[in-house]
Amino acid sequence: MSSLFSLEICAGAGGQALGLERAGFQHAAAVEFEKIACDTLSSNRPSWNVLKMDIRDLNGRDYRGIDLLAGGVPCPPFSVASRQLGADDYRDLFPTAIALVRSSRPRAVILENVPGLGAPKFAAYRHQVRSSLEKLGYTVWWQPINAAEFRVPQLRPRLVLVALKPKAARSFVWPWEHSPYVTVGQALEYQMSADGWRGAERWATRANKIAPTLVGGSKLHGGPDLGPTRAKLAWQKLGVDGMGVADAPPGARFPLHGIPRLTVRMAATIQGFPESWKIEGKKTAAYRQVGNAFPPPVAEALGNAVRRALLGLRSESDPILVTQAG
C-alpha cells in the first residue's frame, strides 16, 4: 500500500482519524483543542503527532502538499439543537478549514458535519464553500451518508464534503455498503452479559433494530444521557434506559427483565470504535467524546474511496454509488 499522509483537524476522540488510518493514511498531525480528547488520541496513538491547539492558530503552510486534509468541524452552527445560526455562530470553523486548504494545498479534502447543513436555508452557505474550493482547483461533492449503511448499529446521518483535484476526481466514486444492518442487540449482547446478567440474550432479541443517533452535547449543553426526549423514547423501545450512562454492565443481580443503561464502552461500540480504543476522562467527558465522534467504519470507507482516487485505482467491482459533483 502506497504511503499517503493526512492532516486531521478537530480530531476529537479520533473516530475519523482511526478510520483513515485503516484506509492507509498516515497522520502528519492530529489537531484538537480539548485536552481530554488529546489525551484520548495520545494514549491510543502516540505516533499521530497530537497537537493541542485551536485550528485557527495552525499554520497550513507547514503541511504544504499533504495528501489529505480531513476533519469534522463543529456542528452546532448547523444543528437544530443549537438554533442553526450558521455563519453567525462563533463556532463556525468552515472558513478556517477553507483557509487551511488554501495554505496547505492538499490533494484531497474530507469534511463532515450534521445533516442540518444540507437544509435549504444553508444552500447559499454550501455554495460559498463549494465555490471557494473550486476557485482553488478542486472538484467538490456534498453527499448525505448514513453510518448504518456501513455496519454501524446506529442511525447516524451526516453530510460529507469531498474535494479532489481534477485528475483524482475522475477516478472517485462514493462508497456504498450493501451488507446487512447490525442491530443494537447483535453489537452489545456480549458486553451486556459480561458481568453475569442472565437477561442479556433475551434483551438482545428485543434490541433488534438500529440505534438512534448518539448525542454527545457540549460543555454548555448535554450530559451523560442518550439525547433528547424522542431519542430516549427510541432507546426505551430497544430496552435501553436512556436517562443516563452506567458505570458498568448489568450484573448477576440485575432484574431478568430489567432495562439496562449503556456504559461508555457500549456507546463507543455503537459508534463503531473497536474494544481496544480507550476513551480518557470521567464518565461525562468520556461519553461526550464518544457521542460527538465520527464512526471509524464510515471514515474508513470514505478514506478508501479517496485513496483509490488519489492512486488512480478505481475498481469497477467495488460496491459504489456514483454521484454528480455539486
C-alpha atoms as a PDB file:
ATOM      1  CA  MET A   1       0.000   0.000   0.000  1.00  0.00           C
ATOM      2  CA  SER A   2       1.484   3.357  -1.037  1.00  0.00           C
ATOM      3  CA  SER A   3       2.002   5.810   1.822  1.00  0.00           C
ATOM      4  CA  LEU A   4      -0.352   8.760   1.900  1.00  0.00           C
ATOM      5  CA  PHE A   5      -0.283  11.447   4.571  1.00  0.00           C
ATOM      6  CA  SER A   6      -3.157  13.335   6.172  1.00  0.00           C
ATOM      7  CA  LEU A   7      -3.687  16.345   8.389  1.00  0.00           C
ATOM      8  CA  GLU A   8      -6.604  15.796  10.781  1.00  0.00           C
ATOM      9  CA  ILE A   9      -8.329  18.885  12.225  1.00  0.00           C
ATOM     10  CA  CYS A  10     -10.917  18.926  15.040  1.00  0.00           C
ATOM     11  CA  ALA A  11      -9.863  15.327  15.663  1.00  0.00           C
ATOM     12  CA  GLY A  12     -11.977  14.745  18.803  1.00  0.00           C
ATOM     13  CA  ALA A  13     -11.781  11.179  20.103  1.00  0.00           C
ATOM     14  CA  GLY A  14     -10.184  10.013  16.857  1.00  0.00           C
ATOM     15  CA  GLY A  15     -13.059   8.283  15.062  1.00  0.00           C
ATOM     16  CA  GLN A  16     -12.320   9.753  11.661  1.00  0.00           C
ATOM     17  CA  ALA A  17      -8.552   9.588  12.152  1.00  0.00           C
ATOM     18  CA  LEU A  18      -8.753   5.903  13.086  1.00  0.00           C
ATOM     19  CA  GLY A  19     -10.849   5.109  10.035  1.00  0.00           C
ATOM     20  CA  LEU A  20      -8.451   6.971   7.755  1.00  0.00           C
ATOM     21  CA  GLU A  21      -5.519   5.131   9.318  1.00  0.00           C
ATOM     22  CA  ARG A  22      -7.233   1.847   8.482  1.00  0.00           C
ATOM     23  CA  ALA A  23      -7.651   3.126   4.922  1.00  0.00           C
ATOM     24  CA  GLY A  24      -3.890   3.621   4.602  1.00  0.00           C
ATOM     25  CA  PHE A  25      -3.317   7.238   5.624  1.00  0.00           C
ATOM     26  CA  GLN A  26      -0.507   8.192   7.988  1.00  0.00           C
ATOM     27  CA  HIS A  27      -1.219  11.253  10.125  1.00  0.00           C
ATOM     28  CA  ALA A  28       1.251  14.094   9.863  1.00  0.00           C
ATOM     29  CA  ALA A  29      -0.684  15.689  12.724  1.00  0.00           C
ATOM     30  CA  ALA A  30      -3.985  15.339  14.585  1.00  0.00           C
ATOM     31  CA  VAL A  31      -5.153  18.733  15.839  1.00  0.00           C
ATOM     32  CA  GLU A  32      -7.643  19.049  18.703  1.00  0.00           C
ATOM     33  CA  PHE A  33      -8.487  21.847  21.137  1.00  0.00           C
ATOM     34  CA  GLU A  34      -9.950  19.849  24.056  1.00  0.00           C
ATOM     35  CA  LYS A  35      -7.277  18.469  26.379  1.00  0.00           C
ATOM     36  CA  ILE A  36      -9.207  15.349  27.355  1.00  0.00           C
ATOM     37  CA  ALA A  37      -9.712  14.432  23.697  1.00  0.00           C
ATOM     38  CA  CYS A  38      -5.984  14.993  23.098  1.00  0.00           C
ATOM     39  CA  ASP A  39      -5.337  12.576  25.969  1.00  0.00           C
ATOM     40  CA  THR A  40      -7.537  10.003  24.226  1.00  0.00           C
ATOM     41  CA  LEU A  41      -5.686  10.466  20.948  1.00  0.00           C
ATOM     42  CA  SER A  42      -2.242  10.294  22.540  1.00  0.00           C
ATOM     43  CA  SER A  43      -2.983   7.260  24.697  1.00  0.00           C
ATOM     44  CA  ASN A  44      -4.204   5.272  21.707  1.00  0.00           C
ATOM     45  CA  ARG A  45      -1.859   6.547  19.008  1.00  0.00           C
ATOM     46  CA  PRO A  46       1.328   8.248  20.319  1.00  0.00           C
ATOM     47  CA  SER A  47       2.632   8.290  16.733  1.00  0.00           C
ATOM     48  CA  TRP A  48      -0.079  10.630  15.493  1.00  0.00           C
ATOM     49  CA  ASN A  49       1.703  13.873  16.449  1.00  0.00           C
ATOM     50  CA  VAL A  50      -1.250  15.130  18.502  1.00  0.00           C
ATOM     51  CA  LEU A  51      -1.344  18.938  18.704  1.00  0.00           C
ATOM     52  CA  LYS A  52      -3.494  20.598  21.362  1.00  0.00           C
ATOM     53  CA  MET A  53      -4.409  23.876  19.736  1.00  0.00           C
ATOM     54  CA  ASP A  54      -7.148  25.916  18.115  1.00  0.00           C
ATOM     55  CA  ILE A  55      -7.075  25.230  14.378  1.00  0.00           C
ATOM     56  CA  ARG A  56      -7.286  28.993  13.858  1.00  0.00           C
ATOM     57  CA  ASP A  57      -3.693  29.094  15.115  1.00  0.00           C
ATOM     58  CA  LEU A  58      -2.499  26.284  12.827  1.00  0.00           C
ATOM     59  CA  ASN A  59      -0.109  27.230  10.032  1.00  0.00           C
ATOM     60  CA  GLY A  60      -1.246  25.287   6.994  1.00  0.00           C
ATOM     61  CA  ARG A  61       1.970  26.105   5.131  1.00  0.00           C
ATOM     62  CA  ASP A  62       3.771  23.716   7.481  1.00  0.00           C
ATOM     63  CA  TYR A  63       1.811  20.936   5.773  1.00  0.00           C
ATOM     64  CA  ARG A  64       2.036  22.155   2.183  1.00  0.00           C
ATOM     65  CA  GLY A  65       1.362  19.355  -0.275  1.00  0.00           C
ATOM     66  CA  ILE A  66      -0.262  16.974   2.215  1.00  0.00           C
ATOM     67  CA  ASP A  67      -2.319  14.257   0.539  1.00  0.00           C
ATOM     68  CA  LEU A  68      -5.479  14.751   2.592  1.00  0.00           C
ATOM     69  CA  LEU A  69      -6.920  17.371   4.930  1.00  0.00           C
ATOM     70  CA  ALA A  70      -9.792  15.889   6.930  1.00  0.00           C
ATOM     71  CA  GLY A  71     -11.910  16.775   9.927  1.00  0.00           C
ATOM     72  CA  GLY A  72     -15.285  17.239  11.494  1.00  0.00           C
ATOM     73  CA  VAL A  73     -15.644  20.968  12.091  1.00  0.00           C
ATOM     74  CA  PRO A  74     -18.050  21.843  14.953  1.00  0.00           C
ATOM     75  CA  CYS A  75     -21.665  21.023  14.166  1.00  0.00           C
ATOM     76  CA  PRO A  76     -23.605  23.456  16.471  1.00  0.00           C
ATOM     77  CA  PRO A  77     -23.784  26.204  13.801  1.00  0.00           C
ATOM     78  CA  PHE A  78     -25.949  23.851  11.691  1.00  0.00           C
ATOM     79  CA  SER A  79     -27.632  21.785  14.395  1.00  0.00           C
ATOM     80  CA  VAL A  80     -31.323  22.197  15.200  1.00  0.00           C
ATOM     81  CA  ALA A  81     -30.459  21.865  18.885  1.00  0.00           C
ATOM     82  CA  SER A  82     -28.223  24.942  18.617  1.00  0.00           C
ATOM     83  CA  ARG A  83     -30.654  27.132  16.621  1.00  0.00           C
ATOM     84  CA  GLN A  84     -28.797  26.745  13.284  1.00  0.00           C
ATOM     85  CA  LEU A  85     -27.113  30.135  13.314  1.00  0.00           C
ATOM     86  CA  GLY A  86     -24.714  29.114  10.565  1.00  0.00           C
ATOM     87  CA  ALA A  87     -22.108  31.744   9.755  1.00  0.00           C
ATOM     88  CA  ASP A  88     -23.392  33.881  12.645  1.00  0.00           C
ATOM     89  CA  ASP A  89     -22.305  31.225  15.164  1.00  0.00           C
ATOM     90  CA  TYR A  90     -18.864  31.905  16.647  1.00  0.00           C
ATOM     91  CA  ARG A  91     -18.172  28.157  16.468  1.00  0.00           C
ATOM     92  CA  ASP A  92     -18.396  28.084  12.663  1.00  0.00           C
ATOM     93  CA  LEU A  93     -14.964  26.856  11.572  1.00  0.00           C
ATOM     94  CA  PHE A  94     -15.672  26.145   7.912  1.00  0.00           C
ATOM     95  CA  PRO A  95     -13.958  29.411   6.901  1.00  0.00           C
ATOM     96  CA  THR A  96     -10.896  28.325   8.909  1.00  0.00           C
ATOM     97  CA  ALA A  97     -10.937  24.908   7.248  1.00  0.00           C
ATOM     98  CA  ILE A  98     -11.067  26.543   3.808  1.00  0.00           C
ATOM     99  CA  ALA A  99      -8.184  28.830   4.781  1.00  0.00           C
ATOM    100  CA  LEU A 100      -6.156  25.766   5.791  1.00  0.00           C
ATOM    101  CA  VAL A 101      -6.922  24.144   2.437  1.00  0.00           C
ATOM    102  CA  ARG A 102      -5.733  27.323   0.741  1.00  0.00           C
ATOM    103  CA  SER A 103      -2.441  27.362   2.673  1.00  0.00           C
ATOM    104  CA  SER A 104      -1.687  23.616   2.754  1.00  0.00           C
ATOM    105  CA  ARG A 105      -2.955  22.743  -0.743  1.00  0.00           C
ATOM    106  CA  PRO A 106      -3.835  19.092  -0.047  1.00  0.00           C
ATOM    107  CA  ARG A 107      -4.635  16.736  -2.896  1.00  0.00           C
ATOM    108  CA  ALA A 108      -7.932  15.835  -1.225  1.00  0.00           C
ATOM    109  CA  VAL A 109     -10.327  17.166   1.432  1.00  0.00           C
ATOM    110  CA  ILE A 110     -12.917  15.385   3.595  1.00  0.00           C
ATOM    111  CA  LEU A 111     -15.109  17.466   5.926  1.00  0.00           C
ATOM    112  CA  GLU A 112     -18.136  16.027   7.720  1.00  0.00           C
ATOM    113  CA  ASN A 113     -20.988  17.705   9.577  1.00  0.00           C
ATOM    114  CA  VAL A 114     -24.584  17.256  10.692  1.00  0.00           C
ATOM    115  CA  PRO A 115     -27.304  16.730   8.059  1.00  0.00           C
ATOM    116  CA  GLY A 116     -28.785  20.087   9.064  1.00  0.00           C
ATOM    117  CA  LEU A 117     -26.112  21.728   6.931  1.00  0.00           C
ATOM    118  CA  GLY A 118     -27.955  20.255   3.943  1.00  0.00           C
ATOM    119  CA  ALA A 119     -31.135  22.211   4.745  1.00  0.00           C
ATOM    120  CA  PRO A 120     -32.431  24.678   2.143  1.00  0.00           C
ATOM    121  CA  LYS A 121     -31.635  27.616   4.452  1.00  0.00           C
ATOM    122  CA  PHE A 122     -27.922  26.797   4.081  1.00  0.00           C
ATOM    123  CA  ALA A 123     -27.934  26.436   0.287  1.00  0.00           C
ATOM    124  CA  ALA A 124     -26.074  29.733  -0.154  1.00  0.00           C
ATOM    125  CA  TYR A 125     -23.591  28.736   2.537  1.00  0.00           C
ATOM    126  CA  ARG A 126     -22.858  25.400   0.845  1.00  0.00           C
ATOM    127  CA  HIS A 127     -22.500  27.177  -2.497  1.00  0.00           C
ATOM    128  CA  GLN A 128     -19.992  29.576  -0.947  1.00  0.00           C
ATOM    129  CA  VAL A 129     -17.917  26.702   0.445  1.00  0.00           C
ATOM    130  CA  ARG A 130     -18.031  24.843  -2.861  1.00  0.00           C
ATOM    131  CA  SER A 131     -17.175  27.974  -4.845  1.00  0.00           C
ATOM    132  CA  SER A 132     -14.192  28.726  -2.597  1.00  0.00           C
ATOM    133  CA  LEU A 133     -12.797  25.247  -3.146  1.00  0.00           C
ATOM    134  CA  GLU A 134     -13.486  25.274  -6.883  1.00  0.00           C
ATOM    135  CA  LYS A 135     -11.501  28.507  -7.173  1.00  0.00           C
ATOM    136  CA  LEU A 136      -8.609  26.597  -5.579  1.00  0.00           C
ATOM    137  CA  GLY A 137      -8.855  23.982  -8.337  1.00  0.00           C
ATOM    138  CA  TYR A 138     -10.930  21.256  -6.673  1.00  0.00           C
ATOM    139  CA  THR A 139     -13.905  19.241  -7.840  1.00  0.00           C
ATOM    140  CA  VAL A 140     -16.392  19.234  -4.949  1.00  0.00           C
ATOM    141  CA  TRP A 141     -19.180  16.935  -3.778  1.00  0.00           C
ATOM    142  CA  TRP A 142     -21.679  17.296  -0.955  1.00  0.00           C
ATOM    143  CA  GLN A 143     -23.231  13.932  -0.098  1.00  0.00           C
ATOM    144  CA  PRO A 144     -25.516  12.730   2.718  1.00  0.00           C
ATOM    145  CA  ILE A 145     -24.311   9.453   4.190  1.00  0.00           C
ATOM    146  CA  ASN A 146     -25.640   7.204   6.956  1.00  0.00           C
ATOM    147  CA  ALA A 147     -23.452   5.204   9.319  1.00  0.00           C
ATOM    148  CA  ALA A 148     -25.955   2.330   9.485  1.00  0.00           C
ATOM    149  CA  GLU A 149     -25.153   1.537   5.859  1.00  0.00           C
ATOM    150  CA  PHE A 150     -21.574   0.708   6.907  1.00  0.00           C
ATOM    151  CA  ARG A 151     -22.422  -1.849   9.614  1.00  0.00           C
ATOM    152  CA  VAL A 152     -22.504   0.748  12.391  1.00  0.00           C
ATOM    153  CA  PRO A 153     -25.506  -0.127  14.635  1.00  0.00           C
ATOM    154  CA  GLN A 154     -26.761   3.445  14.658  1.00  0.00           C
ATOM    155  CA  LEU A 155     -28.877   5.780  12.541  1.00  0.00           C
ATOM    156  CA  ARG A 156     -26.235   8.481  12.209  1.00  0.00           C
ATOM    157  CA  PRO A 157     -26.815  10.595   9.104  1.00  0.00           C
ATOM    158  CA  ARG A 158     -24.065  13.049   8.211  1.00  0.00           C
ATOM    159  CA  LEU A 159     -23.380  15.458   5.379  1.00  0.00           C
ATOM    160  CA  VAL A 160     -19.926  14.874   3.924  1.00  0.00           C
ATOM    161  CA  LEU A 161     -17.877  17.142   1.678  1.00  0.00           C
ATOM    162  CA  VAL A 162     -15.222  15.561  -0.517  1.00  0.00           C
ATOM    163  CA  ALA A 163     -12.973  17.716  -2.697  1.00  0.00           C
ATOM    164  CA  LEU A 164     -10.334  16.398  -5.095  1.00  0.00           C
ATOM    165  CA  LYS A 165      -8.024  17.821  -7.708  1.00  0.00           C
ATOM    166  CA  PRO A 166      -9.423  17.086 -11.213  1.00  0.00           C
ATOM    167  CA  LYS A 167      -7.130  14.155 -12.084  1.00  0.00           C
ATOM    168  CA  ALA A 168      -8.093  12.242  -8.933  1.00  0.00           C
ATOM    169  CA  ALA A 169     -11.720  13.366  -9.195  1.00  0.00           C
ATOM    170  CA  ARG A 170     -12.086  11.414 -12.439  1.00  0.00           C
ATOM    171  CA  SER A 171     -11.479   8.196 -10.505  1.00  0.00           C
ATOM    172  CA  PHE A 172     -13.559   8.981  -7.432  1.00  0.00           C
ATOM    173  CA  VAL A 173     -16.723   7.084  -6.576  1.00  0.00           C
ATOM    174  CA  TRP A 174     -18.686   7.261  -3.343  1.00  0.00           C
ATOM    175  CA  PRO A 175     -18.513   4.190  -1.101  1.00  0.00           C
ATOM    176  CA  TRP A 176     -21.711   2.223  -0.745  1.00  0.00           C
ATOM    177  CA  GLU A 177     -22.096  -0.773   1.557  1.00  0.00           C
ATOM    178  CA  HIS A 178     -24.698  -3.446   0.845  1.00  0.00           C
ATOM    179  CA  SER A 179     -24.099  -5.646   3.911  1.00  0.00           C
ATOM    180  CA  PRO A 180     -26.996  -6.312   6.324  1.00  0.00           C
ATOM    181  CA  TYR A 181     -27.505  -3.799   9.103  1.00  0.00           C
ATOM    182  CA  VAL A 182     -26.067  -4.602  12.541  1.00  0.00           C
ATOM    183  CA  THR A 183     -28.599  -4.267  15.353  1.00  0.00           C
ATOM    184  CA  VAL A 184     -28.025  -2.951  18.864  1.00  0.00           C
ATOM    185  CA  GLY A 185     -28.596  -6.431  20.275  1.00  0.00           C
ATOM    186  CA  GLN A 186     -26.067  -8.024  17.939  1.00  0.00           C
ATOM    187  CA  ALA A 187     -23.479  -5.377  18.788  1.00  0.00           C
ATOM    188  CA  LEU A 188     -23.930  -5.330  22.564  1.00  0.00           C
ATOM    189  CA  GLU A 189     -25.126  -8.749  23.766  1.00  0.00           C
ATOM    190  CA  TYR A 190     -21.597  -9.790  24.729  1.00  0.00           C
ATOM    191  CA  GLN A 191     -20.993  -6.637  26.770  1.00  0.00           C
ATOM    192  CA  MET A 192     -24.427  -6.814  28.396  1.00  0.00           C
ATOM    193  CA  SER A 193     -23.650 -10.344  29.615  1.00  0.00           C
ATOM    194  CA  ALA A 194     -20.056  -9.618  30.677  1.00  0.00           C
ATOM    195  CA  ASP A 195     -20.875  -9.189  34.398  1.00  0.00           C
ATOM    196  CA  GLY A 196     -23.237 -12.141  34.613  1.00  0.00           C
ATOM    197  CA  TRP A 197     -26.631 -10.676  33.687  1.00  0.00           C
ATOM    198  CA  ARG A 198     -28.859 -13.619  32.797  1.00  0.00           C
ATOM    199  CA  GLY A 199     -31.258 -11.442  30.811  1.00  0.00           C
ATOM    200  CA  ALA A 200     -28.728 -10.422  28.147  1.00  0.00           C
ATOM    201  CA  GLU A 201     -29.841 -12.913  25.490  1.00  0.00           C
ATOM    202  CA  ARG A 202     -33.497 -12.020  25.968  1.00  0.00           C
ATOM    203  CA  TRP A 203     -32.588  -8.329  25.888  1.00  0.00           C
ATOM    204  CA  ALA A 204     -30.615  -8.727  22.641  1.00  0.00           C
ATOM    205  CA  THR A 205     -33.660 -10.293  20.983  1.00  0.00           C
ATOM    206  CA  ARG A 206     -35.676  -7.212  21.898  1.00  0.00           C
ATOM    207  CA  ALA A 207     -32.923  -4.801  20.819  1.00  0.00           C
ATOM    208  CA  ASN A 208     -33.268  -5.965  17.223  1.00  0.00           C
ATOM    209  CA  LYS A 209     -33.127  -2.590  15.482  1.00  0.00           C
ATOM    210  CA  ILE A 210     -30.660   0.172  14.674  1.00  0.00           C
ATOM    211  CA  ALA A 211     -29.968   2.663  17.464  1.00  0.00           C
ATOM    212  CA  PRO A 212     -30.961   6.323  17.193  1.00  0.00           C
ATOM    213  CA  THR A 213     -28.157   8.837  16.795  1.00  0.00           C
ATOM    214  CA  LEU A 214     -25.985   9.217  19.885  1.00  0.00           C
ATOM    215  CA  VAL A 215     -25.781  12.828  21.054  1.00  0.00           C
ATOM    216  CA  GLY A 216     -22.658  13.961  22.859  1.00  0.00           C
ATOM    217  CA  GLY A 217     -23.694  17.520  23.623  1.00  0.00           C
ATOM    218  CA  SER A 218     -21.200  20.175  24.660  1.00  0.00           C
ATOM    219  CA  LYS A 219     -19.801  21.726  27.804  1.00  0.00           C
ATOM    220  CA  LEU A 220     -22.733  24.132  27.786  1.00  0.00           C
ATOM    221  CA  HIS A 221     -25.486  21.675  26.841  1.00  0.00           C
ATOM    222  CA  GLY A 222     -25.963  17.959  27.273  1.00  0.00           C
ATOM    223  CA  GLY A 223     -24.728  15.444  29.785  1.00  0.00           C
ATOM    224  CA  PRO A 224     -24.209  11.703  30.177  1.00  0.00           C
ATOM    225  CA  ASP A 225     -27.581  10.657  28.749  1.00  0.00           C
ATOM    226  CA  LEU A 226     -28.640   9.422  25.324  1.00  0.00           C
ATOM    227  CA  GLY A 227     -30.129  12.588  23.909  1.00  0.00           C
ATOM    228  CA  PRO A 228     -33.420  14.487  23.771  1.00  0.00           C
ATOM    229  CA  THR A 229     -36.814  13.051  24.688  1.00  0.00           C
ATOM    230  CA  ARG A 230     -37.541  11.499  21.282  1.00  0.00           C
ATOM    231  CA  ALA A 231     -34.188   9.700  21.283  1.00  0.00           C
ATOM    232  CA  LYS A 232     -34.752   8.414  24.817  1.00  0.00           C
ATOM    233  CA  LEU A 233     -38.125   7.003  23.770  1.00  0.00           C
ATOM    234  CA  ALA A 234     -36.485   5.229  20.832  1.00  0.00           C
ATOM    235  CA  TRP A 235     -33.887   3.745  23.165  1.00  0.00           C
ATOM    236  CA  GLN A 236     -36.659   2.647  25.538  1.00  0.00           C
ATOM    237  CA  LYS A 237     -38.254   0.625  22.727  1.00  0.00           C
ATOM    238  CA  LEU A 238     -34.912  -1.129  22.312  1.00  0.00           C
ATOM    239  CA  GLY A 239     -34.813  -1.965  26.017  1.00  0.00           C
ATOM    240  CA  VAL A 240     -32.287   0.704  26.977  1.00  0.00           C
ATOM    241  CA  ASP A 241     -32.716   3.306  29.711  1.00  0.00           C
ATOM    242  CA  GLY A 242     -31.558   6.488  28.021  1.00  0.00           C
ATOM    243  CA  MET A 243     -31.753   8.699  31.103  1.00  0.00           C
ATOM    244  CA  GLY A 244     -28.094   8.171  31.943  1.00  0.00           C
ATOM    245  CA  VAL A 245     -24.911   6.224  31.323  1.00  0.00           C
ATOM    246  CA  ALA A 246     -23.910   3.311  33.566  1.00  0.00           C
ATOM    247  CA  ASP A 247     -20.540   2.793  35.216  1.00  0.00           C
ATOM    248  CA  ALA A 248     -20.605  -0.943  34.466  1.00  0.00           C
ATOM    249  CA  PRO A 249     -22.704  -3.559  32.641  1.00  0.00           C
ATOM    250  CA  PRO A 250     -25.695  -5.051  34.471  1.00  0.00           C
ATOM    251  CA  GLY A 251     -24.601  -7.683  36.992  1.00  0.00           C
ATOM    252  CA  ALA A 252     -25.939 -11.070  38.035  1.00  0.00           C
ATOM    253  CA  ARG A 253     -28.491  -9.456  40.388  1.00  0.00           C
ATOM    254  CA  PHE A 254     -29.886  -7.106  37.746  1.00  0.00           C
ATOM    255  CA  PRO A 255     -33.570  -7.967  37.105  1.00  0.00           C
ATOM    256  CA  LEU A 256     -34.059 -10.546  34.374  1.00  0.00           C
ATOM    257  CA  HIS A 257     -36.493  -8.244  32.546  1.00  0.00           C
ATOM    258  CA  GLY A 258     -34.731  -5.041  33.598  1.00  0.00           C
ATOM    259  CA  ILE A 259     -33.978  -2.068  31.355  1.00  0.00           C
ATOM    260  CA  PRO A 260     -30.206  -1.510  31.470  1.00  0.00           C
ATOM    261  CA  ARG A 261     -28.245   1.609  30.647  1.00  0.00           C
ATOM    262  CA  LEU A 262     -25.343   1.753  28.250  1.00  0.00           C
ATOM    263  CA  THR A 263     -21.800   2.163  29.516  1.00  0.00           C
ATOM    264  CA  VAL A 264     -19.345   4.497  27.783  1.00  0.00           C
ATOM    265  CA  ARG A 265     -17.734   1.380  26.295  1.00  0.00           C
ATOM    266  CA  MET A 266     -21.082   0.256  24.879  1.00  0.00           C
ATOM    267  CA  ALA A 267     -21.698   3.706  23.427  1.00  0.00           C
ATOM    268  CA  ALA A 268     -18.266   3.531  21.792  1.00  0.00           C
ATOM    269  CA  THR A 269     -19.261   0.209  20.228  1.00  0.00           C
ATOM    270  CA  ILE A 270     -22.444   1.820  18.906  1.00  0.00           C
ATOM    271  CA  GLN A 271     -20.186   4.430  17.278  1.00  0.00           C
ATOM    272  CA  GLY A 272     -18.047   1.740  15.662  1.00  0.00           C
ATOM    273  CA  PHE A 273     -14.946   2.067  17.841  1.00  0.00           C
ATOM    274  CA  PRO A 274     -13.014  -1.153  18.498  1.00  0.00           C
ATOM    275  CA  GLU A 275     -12.992  -2.512  22.036  1.00  0.00           C
ATOM    276  CA  SER A 276      -9.283  -1.686  22.296  1.00  0.00           C
ATOM    277  CA  TRP A 277      -9.891   2.056  21.835  1.00  0.00           C
ATOM    278  CA  LYS A 278      -9.597   3.704  25.249  1.00  0.00           C
ATOM    279  CA  ILE A 279     -11.670   6.836  25.920  1.00  0.00           C
ATOM    280  CA  GLU A 280      -9.960   9.017  28.528  1.00  0.00           C
ATOM    281  CA  GLY A 281     -11.698  11.097  31.195  1.00  0.00           C
ATOM    282  CA  LYS A 282     -14.518  10.713  33.686  1.00  0.00           C
ATOM    283  CA  LYS A 283     -17.887   9.424  32.552  1.00  0.00           C
ATOM    284  CA  THR A 284     -19.419  12.681  31.316  1.00  0.00           C
ATOM    285  CA  ALA A 285     -16.306  13.811  29.455  1.00  0.00           C
ATOM    286  CA  ALA A 286     -15.726  10.346  28.024  1.00  0.00           C
ATOM    287  CA  TYR A 287     -19.306   9.944  26.838  1.00  0.00           C
ATOM    288  CA  ARG A 288     -19.263  13.410  25.265  1.00  0.00           C
ATOM    289  CA  GLN A 289     -16.214  12.434  23.199  1.00  0.00           C
ATOM    290  CA  VAL A 290     -17.927   9.250  22.049  1.00  0.00           C
ATOM    291  CA  GLY A 291     -21.239  10.932  21.271  1.00  0.00           C
ATOM    292  CA  ASN A 292     -19.573  13.607  19.142  1.00  0.00           C
ATOM    293  CA  ALA A 293     -17.328  11.203  17.215  1.00  0.00           C
ATOM    294  CA  PHE A 294     -17.416  10.230  13.553  1.00  0.00           C
ATOM    295  CA  PRO A 295     -17.803   6.442  13.205  1.00  0.00           C
ATOM    296  CA  PRO A 296     -14.478   4.840  12.213  1.00  0.00           C
ATOM    297  CA  PRO A 297     -16.054   2.375   9.729  1.00  0.00           C
ATOM    298  CA  VAL A 298     -17.598   5.261   7.775  1.00  0.00           C
ATOM    299  CA  ALA A 299     -14.319   7.168   7.765  1.00  0.00           C
ATOM    300  CA  GLU A 300     -12.526   4.029   6.608  1.00  0.00           C
ATOM    301  CA  ALA A 301     -14.908   3.627   3.669  1.00  0.00           C
ATOM    302  CA  LEU A 302     -14.512   7.278   2.692  1.00  0.00           C
ATOM    303  CA  GLY A 303     -10.746   7.055   3.131  1.00  0.00           C
ATOM    304  CA  ASN A 304     -10.544   4.002   0.907  1.00  0.00           C
ATOM    305  CA  ALA A 305     -12.560   5.755  -1.791  1.00  0.00           C
ATOM    306  CA  VAL A 306     -10.327   8.833  -1.648  1.00  0.00           C
ATOM    307  CA  ARG A 307      -7.137   6.745  -1.517  1.00  0.00           C
ATOM    308  CA  ARG A 308      -8.160   4.802  -4.621  1.00  0.00           C
ATOM    309  CA  ALA A 309      -8.903   8.055  -6.422  1.00  0.00           C
ATOM    310  CA  LEU A 310      -5.552   9.575  -5.438  1.00  0.00           C
ATOM    311  CA  LEU A 311      -3.739   6.459  -6.663  1.00  0.00           C
ATOM    312  CA  GLY A 312      -5.889   6.116  -9.791  1.00  0.00           C
ATOM    313  CA  LEU A 313      -7.164   2.710  -8.658  1.00  0.00           C
ATOM    314  CA  ARG A 314     -10.857   2.878  -9.456  1.00  0.00           C
ATOM    315  CA  SER A 315     -12.286  -0.640  -9.375  1.00  0.00           C
ATOM    316  CA  GLU A 316     -15.455  -1.436 -11.256  1.00  0.00           C
ATOM    317  CA  SER A 317     -16.084  -4.375  -8.890  1.00  0.00           C
ATOM    318  CA  ASP A 318     -16.382  -2.148  -5.810  1.00  0.00           C
ATOM    319  CA  PRO A 319     -19.916  -1.565  -4.432  1.00  0.00           C
ATOM    320  CA  ILE A 320     -20.446   2.113  -5.199  1.00  0.00           C
ATOM    321  CA  LEU A 321     -22.910   4.919  -5.527  1.00  0.00           C
ATOM    322  CA  VAL A 322     -21.882   7.232  -8.349  1.00  0.00           C
ATOM    323  CA  THR A 323     -22.972  10.857  -7.884  1.00  0.00           C
ATOM    324  CA  GLN A 324     -22.563  14.130  -9.669  1.00  0.00           C
ATOM    325  CA  ALA A 325     -20.261  16.763  -8.231  1.00  0.00           C
ATOM    326  CA  GLY A 326     -22.216  19.531  -6.582  1.00  0.00           C
END
